C-alpha atoms as a PDB file:
ATOM      1  CA  MET A   1     -41.624 -18.355 -11.372  1.00  0.00           C
ATOM      2  CA  THR A   2     -41.011 -18.836 -15.113  1.00  0.00           C
ATOM      3  CA  ARG A   3     -39.975 -15.608 -16.932  1.00  0.00           C
ATOM      4  CA  HIS A   4     -41.487 -14.733 -20.436  1.00  0.00           C
ATOM      5  CA  PRO A   5     -40.333 -13.085 -23.641  1.00  0.00           C
ATOM      6  CA  ASP A   6     -40.737  -9.575 -22.914  1.00  0.00           C
ATOM      7  CA  LEU A   7     -39.544  -6.050 -24.253  1.00  0.00           C
ATOM      8  CA  ARG A   8     -36.883  -4.870 -22.038  1.00  0.00           C
ATOM      9  CA  TYR A   9     -34.236  -5.587 -23.981  1.00  0.00           C
ATOM     10  CA  GLU A  10     -36.418  -3.499 -26.986  1.00  0.00           C
ATOM     11  CA  ARG A  11     -37.427  -0.737 -25.235  1.00  0.00           C
ATOM     12  CA  LYS A  12     -34.178   0.280 -23.849  1.00  0.00           C
ATOM     13  CA  LEU A  13     -32.827   0.460 -27.829  1.00  0.00           C
ATOM     14  CA  TRP A  14     -35.932   2.275 -28.262  1.00  0.00           C
ATOM     15  CA  ARG A  15     -35.468   4.832 -25.606  1.00  0.00           C
ATOM     16  CA  SER A  16     -31.825   5.484 -26.866  1.00  0.00           C
ATOM     17  CA  GLY A  17     -33.147   6.493 -30.150  1.00  0.00           C
ATOM     18  CA  VAL A  18     -33.163   3.138 -32.059  1.00  0.00           C
ATOM     19  CA  GLU A  19     -36.423   2.502 -34.293  1.00  0.00           C
ATOM     20  CA  VAL A  20     -35.768  -0.688 -36.000  1.00  0.00           C
ATOM     21  CA  VAL A  21     -34.909  -3.690 -34.101  1.00  0.00           C
ATOM     22  CA  ALA A  22     -34.650  -7.128 -35.322  1.00  0.00           C
ATOM     23  CA  GLY A  23     -34.641 -10.232 -33.400  1.00  0.00           C
ATOM     24  CA  VAL A  24     -32.684 -13.015 -34.912  1.00  0.00           C
ATOM     25  CA  ASP A  25     -32.407 -16.520 -33.581  1.00  0.00           C
ATOM     26  CA  GLU A  26     -32.185 -20.176 -35.642  1.00  0.00           C
ATOM     27  CA  ALA A  27     -33.712 -24.120 -35.463  1.00  0.00           C
ATOM     28  CA  GLY A  28     -31.647 -27.396 -36.479  1.00  0.00           C
ATOM     29  CA  VAL A  29     -28.080 -26.521 -34.822  1.00  0.00           C
ATOM     30  CA  GLY A  30     -28.692 -29.951 -33.242  1.00  0.00           C
ATOM     31  CA  PRO A  31     -29.931 -32.534 -35.671  1.00  0.00           C
ATOM     32  CA  MET A  32     -27.689 -35.233 -37.736  1.00  0.00           C
ATOM     33  CA  ALA A  33     -29.864 -34.196 -41.045  1.00  0.00           C
ATOM     34  CA  GLY A  34     -31.453 -31.587 -42.793  1.00  0.00           C
ATOM     35  CA  PRO A  35     -30.897 -27.669 -42.697  1.00  0.00           C
ATOM     36  CA  VAL A  36     -30.043 -25.019 -40.107  1.00  0.00           C
ATOM     37  CA  VAL A  37     -33.035 -22.330 -40.284  1.00  0.00           C
ATOM     38  CA  ALA A  38     -32.619 -18.999 -38.641  1.00  0.00           C
ATOM     39  CA  ALA A  39     -35.212 -16.403 -39.308  1.00  0.00           C
ATOM     40  CA  ALA A  40     -35.253 -12.574 -38.165  1.00  0.00           C
ATOM     41  CA  VAL A  41     -37.869 -10.698 -37.699  1.00  0.00           C
ATOM     42  CA  ILE A  42     -38.806  -6.438 -37.177  1.00  0.00           C
ATOM     43  CA  PHE A  43     -41.953  -5.289 -35.339  1.00  0.00           C
ATOM     44  CA  ALA A  44     -43.488  -1.843 -34.635  1.00  0.00           C
ATOM     45  CA  PRO A  45     -42.367  -0.329 -31.551  1.00  0.00           C
ATOM     46  CA  GLU A  46     -44.820  -1.470 -28.485  1.00  0.00           C
ATOM     47  CA  ALA A  47     -45.880  -4.442 -30.375  1.00  0.00           C
ATOM     48  CA  PHE A  48     -46.042  -7.528 -28.281  1.00  0.00           C
ATOM     49  CA  ILE A  49     -48.199 -10.885 -29.128  1.00  0.00           C
ATOM     50  CA  LYS A  50     -49.418 -12.610 -26.493  1.00  0.00           C
ATOM     51  CA  GLY A  51     -48.378 -16.439 -26.252  1.00  0.00           C
ATOM     52  CA  VAL A  52     -45.000 -15.567 -28.012  1.00  0.00           C
ATOM     53  CA  HIS A  53     -42.800 -18.049 -26.376  1.00  0.00           C
ATOM     54  CA  ASP A  54     -39.297 -19.867 -26.759  1.00  0.00           C
ATOM     55  CA  SER A  55     -40.230 -22.199 -29.819  1.00  0.00           C
ATOM     56  CA  LYS A  56     -39.256 -25.217 -27.869  1.00  0.00           C
ATOM     57  CA  GLN A  57     -41.465 -24.520 -24.748  1.00  0.00           C
ATOM     58  CA  LEU A  58     -44.715 -24.559 -27.322  1.00  0.00           C
ATOM     59  CA  ALA A  59     -46.833 -27.098 -28.740  1.00  0.00           C
ATOM     60  CA  PRO A  60     -46.850 -27.432 -32.360  1.00  0.00           C
ATOM     61  CA  GLU A  61     -50.316 -26.562 -32.966  1.00  0.00           C
ATOM     62  CA  ARG A  62     -49.550 -23.600 -30.793  1.00  0.00           C
ATOM     63  CA  ARG A  63     -46.010 -23.112 -32.877  1.00  0.00           C
ATOM     64  CA  ALA A  64     -48.198 -22.595 -35.993  1.00  0.00           C
ATOM     65  CA  ALA A  65     -50.769 -20.501 -34.838  1.00  0.00           C
ATOM     66  CA  LEU A  66     -48.593 -18.262 -33.448  1.00  0.00           C
ATOM     67  CA  TYR A  67     -46.300 -17.874 -36.610  1.00  0.00           C
ATOM     68  CA  ASP A  68     -49.218 -17.076 -38.593  1.00  0.00           C
ATOM     69  CA  GLN A  69     -49.613 -13.926 -36.112  1.00  0.00           C
ATOM     70  CA  ILE A  70     -46.152 -13.304 -36.179  1.00  0.00           C
ATOM     71  CA  ALA A  71     -45.961 -13.149 -39.825  1.00  0.00           C
ATOM     72  CA  SER A  72     -49.082 -11.190 -40.389  1.00  0.00           C
ATOM     73  CA  ARG A  73     -47.738  -8.155 -37.727  1.00  0.00           C
ATOM     74  CA  ALA A  74     -44.270  -8.244 -38.314  1.00  0.00           C
ATOM     75  CA  LEU A  75     -43.803  -5.033 -40.583  1.00  0.00           C
ATOM     76  CA  ALA A  76     -40.985  -7.418 -41.748  1.00  0.00           C
ATOM     77  CA  TRP A  77     -39.639 -10.575 -41.687  1.00  0.00           C
ATOM     78  CA  GLY A  78     -37.310 -13.085 -43.134  1.00  0.00           C
ATOM     79  CA  VAL A  79     -35.653 -16.953 -43.249  1.00  0.00           C
ATOM     80  CA  GLY A  80     -32.134 -17.936 -44.287  1.00  0.00           C
ATOM     81  CA  VAL A  81     -31.054 -21.491 -44.361  1.00  0.00           C
ATOM     82  CA  ALA A  82     -28.161 -23.390 -45.345  1.00  0.00           C
ATOM     83  CA  GLU A  83     -27.791 -26.948 -46.108  1.00  0.00           C
ATOM     84  CA  PRO A  84     -26.528 -29.853 -44.525  1.00  0.00           C
ATOM     85  CA  LEU A  85     -23.479 -30.159 -47.652  1.00  0.00           C
ATOM     86  CA  GLU A  86     -22.931 -26.357 -46.297  1.00  0.00           C
ATOM     87  CA  ILE A  87     -22.918 -27.554 -42.742  1.00  0.00           C
ATOM     88  CA  ASP A  88     -20.841 -30.212 -43.868  1.00  0.00           C
ATOM     89  CA  ARG A  89     -18.413 -27.901 -45.438  1.00  0.00           C
ATOM     90  CA  LEU A  90     -18.242 -25.062 -43.442  1.00  0.00           C
ATOM     91  CA  ASN A  91     -18.842 -26.634 -40.060  1.00  0.00           C
ATOM     92  CA  ILE A  92     -22.050 -25.790 -38.418  1.00  0.00           C
ATOM     93  CA  TYR A  93     -21.229 -22.769 -36.127  1.00  0.00           C
ATOM     94  CA  TRP A  94     -20.403 -20.966 -39.555  1.00  0.00           C
ATOM     95  CA  ALA A  95     -23.055 -22.457 -41.724  1.00  0.00           C
ATOM     96  CA  THR A  96     -25.298 -21.116 -38.884  1.00  0.00           C
ATOM     97  CA  ARG A  97     -23.853 -17.539 -39.583  1.00  0.00           C
ATOM     98  CA  GLU A  98     -24.612 -17.695 -42.472  1.00  0.00           C
ATOM     99  CA  ALA A  99     -28.191 -18.736 -42.274  1.00  0.00           C
ATOM    100  CA  SER A 100     -28.707 -15.704 -39.986  1.00  0.00           C
ATOM    101  CA  LEU A 101     -27.305 -13.452 -42.550  1.00  0.00           C
ATOM    102  CA  ARG A 102     -29.576 -14.302 -45.510  1.00  0.00           C
ATOM    103  CA  ALA A 103     -32.479 -14.357 -42.731  1.00  0.00           C
ATOM    104  CA  LEU A 104     -31.045 -10.466 -42.048  1.00  0.00           C
ATOM    105  CA  ALA A 105     -30.678  -9.350 -45.734  1.00  0.00           C
ATOM    106  CA  ALA A 106     -34.217 -11.754 -46.689  1.00  0.00           C
ATOM    107  CA  LEU A 107     -35.723  -8.691 -43.979  1.00  0.00           C
ATOM    108  CA  GLY A 108     -35.253  -6.131 -47.104  1.00  0.00           C
ATOM    109  CA  ARG A 109     -34.432  -3.165 -44.559  1.00  0.00           C
ATOM    110  CA  ALA A 110     -31.473  -2.553 -42.681  1.00  0.00           C
ATOM    111  CA  PRO A 111     -31.887  -2.591 -38.883  1.00  0.00           C
ATOM    112  CA  GLY A 112     -30.518  -0.153 -36.217  1.00  0.00           C
ATOM    113  CA  HIS A 113     -29.924  -3.397 -33.936  1.00  0.00           C
ATOM    114  CA  VAL A 114     -29.758  -6.809 -34.133  1.00  0.00           C
ATOM    115  CA  LEU A 115     -30.666  -8.606 -30.628  1.00  0.00           C
ATOM    116  CA  VAL A 116     -29.303 -12.497 -31.240  1.00  0.00           C
ATOM    117  CA  ASP A 117     -29.945 -15.783 -29.008  1.00  0.00           C
ATOM    118  CA  GLY A 118     -27.055 -17.070 -27.930  1.00  0.00           C
ATOM    119  CA  ARG A 119     -23.516 -15.729 -29.225  1.00  0.00           C
ATOM    120  CA  GLY A 120     -23.476 -13.029 -31.685  1.00  0.00           C
ATOM    121  CA  ILE A 121     -22.922 -13.164 -35.036  1.00  0.00           C
ATOM    122  CA  ALA A 122     -19.777 -12.932 -36.760  1.00  0.00           C
ATOM    123  CA  SER A 123     -18.633 -10.100 -38.961  1.00  0.00           C
ATOM    124  CA  LEU A 124     -22.520  -8.703 -38.553  1.00  0.00           C
ATOM    125  CA  LYS A 125     -22.434  -4.934 -39.989  1.00  0.00           C
ATOM    126  CA  HIS A 126     -25.057  -4.231 -37.932  1.00  0.00           C
ATOM    127  CA  PRO A 127     -24.602  -3.038 -33.864  1.00  0.00           C
ATOM    128  CA  GLN A 128     -25.865  -6.471 -32.254  1.00  0.00           C
ATOM    129  CA  THR A 129     -26.284  -7.771 -28.717  1.00  0.00           C
ATOM    130  CA  PRO A 130     -26.222 -11.621 -28.124  1.00  0.00           C
ATOM    131  CA  ILE A 131     -28.421 -12.536 -24.951  1.00  0.00           C
ATOM    132  CA  VAL A 132     -27.803 -15.849 -23.730  1.00  0.00           C
ATOM    133  CA  GLY A 133     -31.554 -17.665 -23.036  1.00  0.00           C
ATOM    134  CA  GLY A 134     -32.490 -14.736 -25.634  1.00  0.00           C
ATOM    135  CA  ASP A 135     -35.689 -16.489 -26.680  1.00  0.00           C
ATOM    136  CA  ARG A 136     -36.930 -16.754 -23.258  1.00  0.00           C
ATOM    137  CA  LYS A 137     -35.980 -13.286 -22.268  1.00  0.00           C
ATOM    138  CA  SER A 138     -36.875 -10.729 -25.411  1.00  0.00           C
ATOM    139  CA  PHE A 139     -40.127 -10.597 -27.320  1.00  0.00           C
ATOM    140  CA  CYS A 140     -38.468 -10.306 -31.223  1.00  0.00           C
ATOM    141  CA  ILE A 141     -36.042 -13.144 -30.312  1.00  0.00           C
ATOM    142  CA  ALA A 142     -39.052 -15.375 -28.939  1.00  0.00           C
ATOM    143  CA  ALA A 143     -40.921 -14.413 -32.463  1.00  0.00           C
ATOM    144  CA  ALA A 144     -37.883 -15.514 -34.594  1.00  0.00           C
ATOM    145  CA  SER A 145     -37.415 -18.633 -33.105  1.00  0.00           C
ATOM    146  CA  ILE A 146     -41.245 -19.166 -33.889  1.00  0.00           C
ATOM    147  CA  LEU A 147     -40.273 -18.946 -37.599  1.00  0.00           C
ATOM    148  CA  ALA A 148     -36.993 -20.404 -37.818  1.00  0.00           C
ATOM    149  CA  LYS A 149     -38.809 -23.698 -35.921  1.00  0.00           C
ATOM    150  CA  VAL A 150     -41.886 -23.914 -37.776  1.00  0.00           C
ATOM    151  CA  THR A 151     -40.183 -23.084 -40.915  1.00  0.00           C
ATOM    152  CA  ARG A 152     -37.634 -25.998 -40.076  1.00  0.00           C
ATOM    153  CA  ASP A 153     -40.489 -28.451 -39.125  1.00  0.00           C
ATOM    154  CA  ARG A 154     -42.372 -28.011 -42.485  1.00  0.00           C
ATOM    155  CA  LEU A 155     -39.139 -28.556 -44.356  1.00  0.00           C
ATOM    156  CA  MET A 156     -38.301 -31.942 -42.589  1.00  0.00           C
ATOM    157  CA  CYS A 157     -41.976 -33.006 -43.630  1.00  0.00           C
ATOM    158  CA  GLU A 158     -41.308 -32.358 -46.610  1.00  0.00           C
ATOM    159  CA  TYR A 159     -37.976 -34.469 -46.708  1.00  0.00           C
ATOM    160  CA  ASP A 160     -39.764 -37.040 -44.921  1.00  0.00           C
ATOM    161  CA  ALA A 161     -41.729 -37.725 -48.279  1.00  0.00           C
ATOM    162  CA  ARG A 162     -38.732 -37.466 -50.242  1.00  0.00           C
ATOM    163  CA  PHE A 163     -37.009 -39.845 -48.192  1.00  0.00           C
ATOM    164  CA  PRO A 164     -39.181 -42.501 -46.420  1.00  0.00           C
ATOM    165  CA  GLY A 165     -38.282 -44.921 -43.894  1.00  0.00           C
ATOM    166  CA  TYR A 166     -36.132 -42.347 -41.756  1.00  0.00           C
ATOM    167  CA  GLY A 167     -39.212 -40.815 -39.863  1.00  0.00           C
ATOM    168  CA  PHE A 168     -37.884 -37.133 -40.271  1.00  0.00           C
ATOM    169  CA  ALA A 169     -41.613 -35.818 -39.763  1.00  0.00           C
ATOM    170  CA  GLN A 170     -41.286 -37.383 -36.579  1.00  0.00           C
ATOM    171  CA  HIS A 171     -37.841 -36.247 -35.130  1.00  0.00           C
ATOM    172  CA  LYS A 172     -37.222 -33.476 -37.508  1.00  0.00           C
ATOM    173  CA  GLY A 173     -33.706 -35.090 -38.140  1.00  0.00           C
ATOM    174  CA  TYR A 174     -32.783 -35.009 -34.148  1.00  0.00           C
ATOM    175  CA  CYS A 175     -30.478 -37.780 -32.333  1.00  0.00           C
ATOM    176  CA  THR A 176     -33.552 -39.826 -31.176  1.00  0.00           C
ATOM    177  CA  PRO A 177     -33.065 -44.038 -30.759  1.00  0.00           C
ATOM    178  CA  GLU A 178     -35.232 -44.296 -33.453  1.00  0.00           C
ATOM    179  CA  HIS A 179     -33.515 -42.028 -35.915  1.00  0.00           C
ATOM    180  CA  PHE A 180     -30.434 -43.550 -34.817  1.00  0.00           C
ATOM    181  CA  ALA A 181     -31.990 -47.087 -35.640  1.00  0.00           C
ATOM    182  CA  ALA A 182     -33.170 -46.084 -39.110  1.00  0.00           C
ATOM    183  CA  LEU A 183     -29.525 -44.345 -39.781  1.00  0.00           C
ATOM    184  CA  ARG A 184     -28.197 -47.813 -38.867  1.00  0.00           C
ATOM    185  CA  ALA A 185     -30.574 -50.025 -41.240  1.00  0.00           C
ATOM    186  CA  LEU A 186     -30.734 -47.569 -44.264  1.00  0.00           C
ATOM    187  CA  GLY A 187     -27.122 -45.901 -44.412  1.00  0.00           C
ATOM    188  CA  PRO A 188     -27.499 -41.611 -44.351  1.00  0.00           C
ATOM    189  CA  SER A 189     -30.013 -40.142 -46.525  1.00  0.00           C
ATOM    190  CA  PRO A 190     -29.007 -37.517 -49.084  1.00  0.00           C
ATOM    191  CA  ILE A 191     -30.150 -34.927 -46.219  1.00  0.00           C
ATOM    192  CA  HIS A 192     -27.230 -36.273 -43.280  1.00  0.00           C
ATOM    193  CA  ARG A 193     -24.663 -34.323 -42.407  1.00  0.00           C
ATOM    194  CA  ARG A 194     -22.008 -36.564 -42.684  1.00  0.00           C
ATOM    195  CA  SER A 195     -19.631 -34.108 -40.462  1.00  0.00           C
ATOM    196  CA  PHE A 196     -21.674 -35.304 -37.997  1.00  0.00           C
ATOM    197  CA  ALA A 197     -20.015 -38.398 -36.291  1.00  0.00           C
ATOM    198  CA  PRO A 198     -23.140 -40.833 -36.197  1.00  0.00           C
ATOM    199  CA  VAL A 199     -24.146 -40.038 -40.032  1.00  0.00           C
ATOM    200  CA  PHE A 200     -20.186 -40.766 -40.900  1.00  0.00           C
ATOM    201  CA  GLU A 201     -20.102 -43.631 -38.977  1.00  0.00           C
ATOM    202  CA  ALA A 202     -22.483 -44.913 -40.726  1.00  0.00           C
ATOM    203  CA  ALA A 203     -21.847 -43.958 -43.863  1.00  0.00           C
ATOM    204  CA  GLN A 204     -18.456 -46.014 -42.883  1.00  0.00           C
ATOM    205  CA  LEU A 205     -20.640 -49.558 -42.273  1.00  0.00           C
ATOM    206  CA  ALA A 206     -22.205 -48.781 -45.524  1.00  0.00           C
ATOM    207  CA  LEU A 207     -19.693 -48.873 -47.543  1.00  0.00           C
ATOM    208  CA  ALA A 208     -17.660 -51.575 -45.629  1.00  0.00           C
ATOM    209  CA  ILE A 209     -20.555 -53.839 -46.479  1.00  0.00           C
ATOM    210  CA  GLN A 210     -21.326 -52.371 -50.019  1.00  0.00           C
ATOM    211  CA  VAL A 211     -17.370 -53.851 -50.914  1.00  0.00           C
ATOM    212  CA  GLY A 212     -17.635 -56.419 -48.910  1.00  0.00           C
ATOM    213  CA  GLY A 213     -20.696 -57.888 -50.573  1.00  0.00           C
END
């Protein structure tokens, strides 16, 4: 039986006296193009939206509808973005940390406790609980995953219009065969992560062709 996110982690904190619980998750760690986007969200105690799940388990139309419900019912929510140049400079782990801290800062209020999907957020000043697979277990983390995923997907559609030919609106920067083919044919775009091996190799090839030509 498939488990769906519930309030068990949130309720444990509420019962302990923590009223403001934030969930944090990110989207875009694995792609070779585009930003990494984190989201943070706070709900009133016992608030729950039916159908909220790990964003990867939901169809795009369902994610978009839930995004609107989450944004309207949350007490506070925010997103943080780390662009490709920052990813290349810091590496994806530290860039994701920065995006998560920005998302929490965008809340406009300090959480009493933070529930985080996967690994914890290094140097976070607030108490936190990392939960492996948290977007399938905790309601507020799952809600954050939807906010992050929809935000990033919309950004990638905007990039598709700015940098046509790569198919960003379809694959969202992930490592699909179509993306590899476009990368080989066109070379890296300004939003490709040059610290990622396939992009670095494509850039070197493009440079060699340019020099040789």
